[in-house]
Amino acid sequence: HLQERALAEAENRPLPQSCSSNDVRALRISDFKHAHEQAS
């Protein structure tokens, strides 16, 4: 139950998760564009 509560509290914090997810999304997009340029 402690781990579940910790996960719930972490999910209830929008700022760190949204920032990290946005950074990961930007990295994935840049990596995809770079790989696409090398492929073509």
PDB file of N, CA and C in Angstrom:
ATOM      1  N   HIS A   1       0.831  -1.206   0.000  1.00  0.00           N
ATOM      2  CA  HIS A   1       0.000   0.000   0.000  1.00  0.00           C
ATOM      3  C   HIS A   1       0.869   1.260   0.000  1.00  0.00           C
ATOM      4  N   LEU A   2       2.024   1.175   0.610  1.00  0.00           N
ATOM      5  CA  LEU A   2       2.897   2.354   0.635  1.00  0.00           C
ATOM      6  C   LEU A   2       3.359   2.710  -0.766  1.00  0.00           C
ATOM      7  N   GLN A   3       3.699   1.714  -1.567  1.00  0.00           N
ATOM      8  CA  GLN A   3       4.146   1.996  -2.935  1.00  0.00           C
ATOM      9  C   GLN A   3       2.997   2.572  -3.747  1.00  0.00           C
ATOM     10  N   GLU A   4       1.789   2.030  -3.553  1.00  0.00           N
ATOM     11  CA  GLU A   4       0.639   2.550  -4.293  1.00  0.00           C
ATOM     12  C   GLU A   4       0.384   4.004  -3.924  1.00  0.00           C
ATOM     13  N   ARG A   5       0.495   4.312  -2.617  1.00  0.00           N
ATOM     14  CA  ARG A   5       0.281   5.697  -2.173  1.00  0.00           C
ATOM     15  C   ARG A   5       1.357   6.607  -2.748  1.00  0.00           C
ATOM     16  N   ALA A   6       2.599   6.126  -2.795  1.00  0.00           N
ATOM     17  CA  ALA A   6       3.695   6.929  -3.345  1.00  0.00           C
ATOM     18  C   ALA A   6       3.456   7.196  -4.825  1.00  0.00           C
ATOM     19  N   LEU A   7       2.990   6.174  -5.549  1.00  0.00           N
ATOM     20  CA  LEU A   7       2.716   6.356  -6.975  1.00  0.00           C
ATOM     21  C   LEU A   7       1.579   7.352  -7.166  1.00  0.00           C
ATOM     22  N   ALA A   8       0.540   7.241  -6.353  1.00  0.00           N
ATOM     23  CA  ALA A   8      -0.599   8.149  -6.468  1.00  0.00           C
ATOM     24  C   ALA A   8      -0.156   9.582  -6.197  1.00  0.00           C
ATOM     25  N   GLU A   9       0.671   9.763  -5.165  1.00  0.00           N
ATOM     26  CA  GLU A   9       1.152  11.114  -4.858  1.00  0.00           C
ATOM     27  C   GLU A   9       2.023  11.645  -5.989  1.00  0.00           C
ATOM     28  N   ALA A  10       2.830  10.783  -6.590  1.00  0.00           N
ATOM     29  CA  ALA A  10       3.687  11.214  -7.689  1.00  0.00           C
ATOM     30  C   ALA A  10       2.835  11.601  -8.893  1.00  0.00           C
ATOM     31  N   GLU A  11       1.768  10.831  -9.140  1.00  0.00           N
ATOM     32  CA  GLU A  11       0.912  11.133 -10.291  1.00  0.00           C
ATOM     33  C   GLU A  11       0.118  12.411 -10.060  1.00  0.00           C
ATOM     34  N   ASN A  12      -0.109  12.762  -8.788  1.00  0.00           N
ATOM     35  CA  ASN A  12      -0.875  13.964  -8.474  1.00  0.00           C
ATOM     36  C   ASN A  12      -0.016  15.219  -8.550  1.00  0.00           C
ATOM     37  N   ARG A  13       1.257  15.065  -8.899  1.00  0.00           N
ATOM     38  CA  ARG A  13       2.127  16.236  -9.077  1.00  0.00           C
ATOM     39  C   ARG A  13       2.304  16.482 -10.570  1.00  0.00           C
ATOM     40  N   PRO A  14       1.581  17.422 -11.151  1.00  0.00           N
ATOM     41  CA  PRO A  14       1.573  17.602 -12.610  1.00  0.00           C
ATOM     42  C   PRO A  14       2.851  18.221 -13.161  1.00  0.00           C
ATOM     43  N   LEU A  15       3.507  19.098 -12.415  1.00  0.00           N
ATOM     44  CA  LEU A  15       4.645  19.820 -12.983  1.00  0.00           C
ATOM     45  C   LEU A  15       5.813  18.915 -13.348  1.00  0.00           C
ATOM     46  N   PRO A  16       6.355  18.105 -12.436  1.00  0.00           N
ATOM     47  CA  PRO A  16       7.508  17.273 -12.812  1.00  0.00           C
ATOM     48  C   PRO A  16       7.170  16.291 -13.922  1.00  0.00           C
ATOM     49  N   GLN A  17       6.001  15.661 -13.860  1.00  0.00           N
ATOM     50  CA  GLN A  17       5.653  14.660 -14.867  1.00  0.00           C
ATOM     51  C   GLN A  17       5.459  15.309 -16.229  1.00  0.00           C
ATOM     52  N   SER A  18       4.766  16.452 -16.271  1.00  0.00           N
ATOM     53  CA  SER A  18       4.521  17.097 -17.564  1.00  0.00           C
ATOM     54  C   SER A  18       5.843  17.582 -18.166  1.00  0.00           C
ATOM     55  N   CYS A  19       6.726  18.130 -17.344  1.00  0.00           N
ATOM     56  CA  CYS A  19       8.017  18.606 -17.850  1.00  0.00           C
ATOM     57  C   CYS A  19       8.839  17.442 -18.381  1.00  0.00           C
ATOM     58  N   SER A  20       8.900  16.358 -17.616  1.00  0.00           N
ATOM     59  CA  SER A  20       9.702  15.209 -18.054  1.00  0.00           C
ATOM     60  C   SER A  20       9.103  14.605 -19.312  1.00  0.00           C
ATOM     61  N   SER A  21       7.766  14.491 -19.373  1.00  0.00           N
ATOM     62  CA  SER A  21       7.134  13.890 -20.554  1.00  0.00           C
ATOM     63  C   SER A  21       7.350  14.787 -21.767  1.00  0.00           C
ATOM     64  N   ASN A  22       7.301  16.110 -21.578  1.00  0.00           N
ATOM     65  CA  ASN A  22       7.538  17.017 -22.701  1.00  0.00           C
ATOM     66  C   ASN A  22       8.976  16.896 -23.186  1.00  0.00           C
ATOM     67  N   ASP A  23       9.919  16.778 -22.269  1.00  0.00           N
ATOM     68  CA  ASP A  23      11.325  16.629 -22.660  1.00  0.00           C
ATOM     69  C   ASP A  23      11.522  15.334 -23.434  1.00  0.00           C
ATOM     70  N   VAL A  24      10.931  14.250 -22.945  1.00  0.00           N
ATOM     71  CA  VAL A  24      11.068  12.955 -23.625  1.00  0.00           C
ATOM     72  C   VAL A  24      10.434  13.033 -25.003  1.00  0.00           C
ATOM     73  N   ARG A  25       9.268  13.687 -25.099  1.00  0.00           N
ATOM     74  CA  ARG A  25       8.591  13.801 -26.397  1.00  0.00           C
ATOM     75  C   ARG A  25       9.451  14.596 -27.370  1.00  0.00           C
ATOM     76  N   ALA A  26      10.058  15.681 -26.902  1.00  0.00           N
ATOM     77  CA  ALA A  26      10.910  16.494 -27.776  1.00  0.00           C
ATOM     78  C   ALA A  26      12.126  15.687 -28.217  1.00  0.00           C
ATOM     79  N   LEU A  27      12.717  14.917 -27.292  1.00  0.00           N
ATOM     80  CA  LEU A  27      13.881  14.102 -27.650  1.00  0.00           C
ATOM     81  C   LEU A  27      13.492  13.059 -28.685  1.00  0.00           C
ATOM     82  N   ARG A  28      12.333  12.431 -28.505  1.00  0.00           N
ATOM     83  CA  ARG A  28      11.898  11.410 -29.457  1.00  0.00           C
ATOM     84  C   ARG A  28      11.676  12.028 -30.828  1.00  0.00           C
ATOM     85  N   ILE A  29      11.077  13.229 -30.870  1.00  0.00           N
ATOM     86  CA  ILE A  29      10.809  13.879 -32.161  1.00  0.00           C
ATOM     87  C   ILE A  29      12.127  14.240 -32.843  1.00  0.00           C
ATOM     88  N   SER A  30      13.076  14.786 -32.092  1.00  0.00           N
ATOM     89  CA  SER A  30      14.366  15.161 -32.693  1.00  0.00           C
ATOM     90  C   SER A  30      15.104  13.921 -33.166  1.00  0.00           C
ATOM     91  N   ASP A  31      15.066  12.846 -32.379  1.00  0.00           N
ATOM     92  CA  ASP A  31      15.730  11.604 -32.793  1.00  0.00           C
ATOM     93  C   ASP A  31      15.068  11.055 -34.044  1.00  0.00           C
ATOM     94  N   PHE A  32      13.743  11.115 -34.113  1.00  0.00           N
ATOM     95  CA  PHE A  32      13.037  10.594 -35.283  1.00  0.00           C
ATOM     96  C   PHE A  32      13.402  11.395 -36.528  1.00  0.00           C
ATOM     97  N   LYS A  33      13.432  12.716 -36.391  1.00  0.00           N
ATOM     98  CA  LYS A  33      13.787  13.555 -37.548  1.00  0.00           C
ATOM     99  C   LYS A  33      15.219  13.264 -37.988  1.00  0.00           C
ATOM    100  N   HIS A  34      16.135  13.119 -37.036  1.00  0.00           N
ATOM    101  CA  HIS A  34      17.541  12.853 -37.362  1.00  0.00           C
ATOM    102  C   HIS A  34      17.667  11.502 -38.058  1.00  0.00           C
ATOM    103  N   ALA A  35      16.983  10.490 -37.558  1.00  0.00           N
ATOM    104  CA  ALA A  35      17.042   9.157 -38.169  1.00  0.00           C
ATOM    105  C   ALA A  35      16.410   9.193 -39.554  1.00  0.00           C
ATOM    106  N   HIS A  36      15.339   9.960 -39.712  1.00  0.00           N
ATOM    107  CA  HIS A  36      14.666  10.034 -41.014  1.00  0.00           C
ATOM    108  C   HIS A  36      15.577  10.718 -42.033  1.00  0.00           C
ATOM    109  N   GLU A  37      16.297  11.756 -41.580  1.00  0.00           N
ATOM    110  CA  GLU A  37      17.208  12.445 -42.505  1.00  0.00           C
ATOM    111  C   GLU A  37      18.336  11.510 -42.930  1.00  0.00           C
ATOM    112  N   GLN A  38      18.859  10.704 -42.030  1.00  0.00           N
ATOM    113  CA  GLN A  38      19.939   9.778 -42.375  1.00  0.00           C
ATOM    114  C   GLN A  38      19.422   8.683 -43.306  1.00  0.00           C
ATOM    115  N   ALA A  39      18.191   8.230 -43.095  1.00  0.00           N
ATOM    116  CA  ALA A  39      17.638   7.151 -43.920  1.00  0.00           C
ATOM    117  C   ALA A  39      17.430   7.635 -45.351  1.00  0.00           C
ATOM    118  N   SER A  40      17.008   8.877 -45.504  1.00  0.00           N
ATOM    119  CA  SER A  40      16.737   9.410 -46.854  1.00  0.00           C
ATOM    120  C   SER A  40      17.916  10.223 -47.367  1.00  0.00           C
TER     121      SER A  40
END
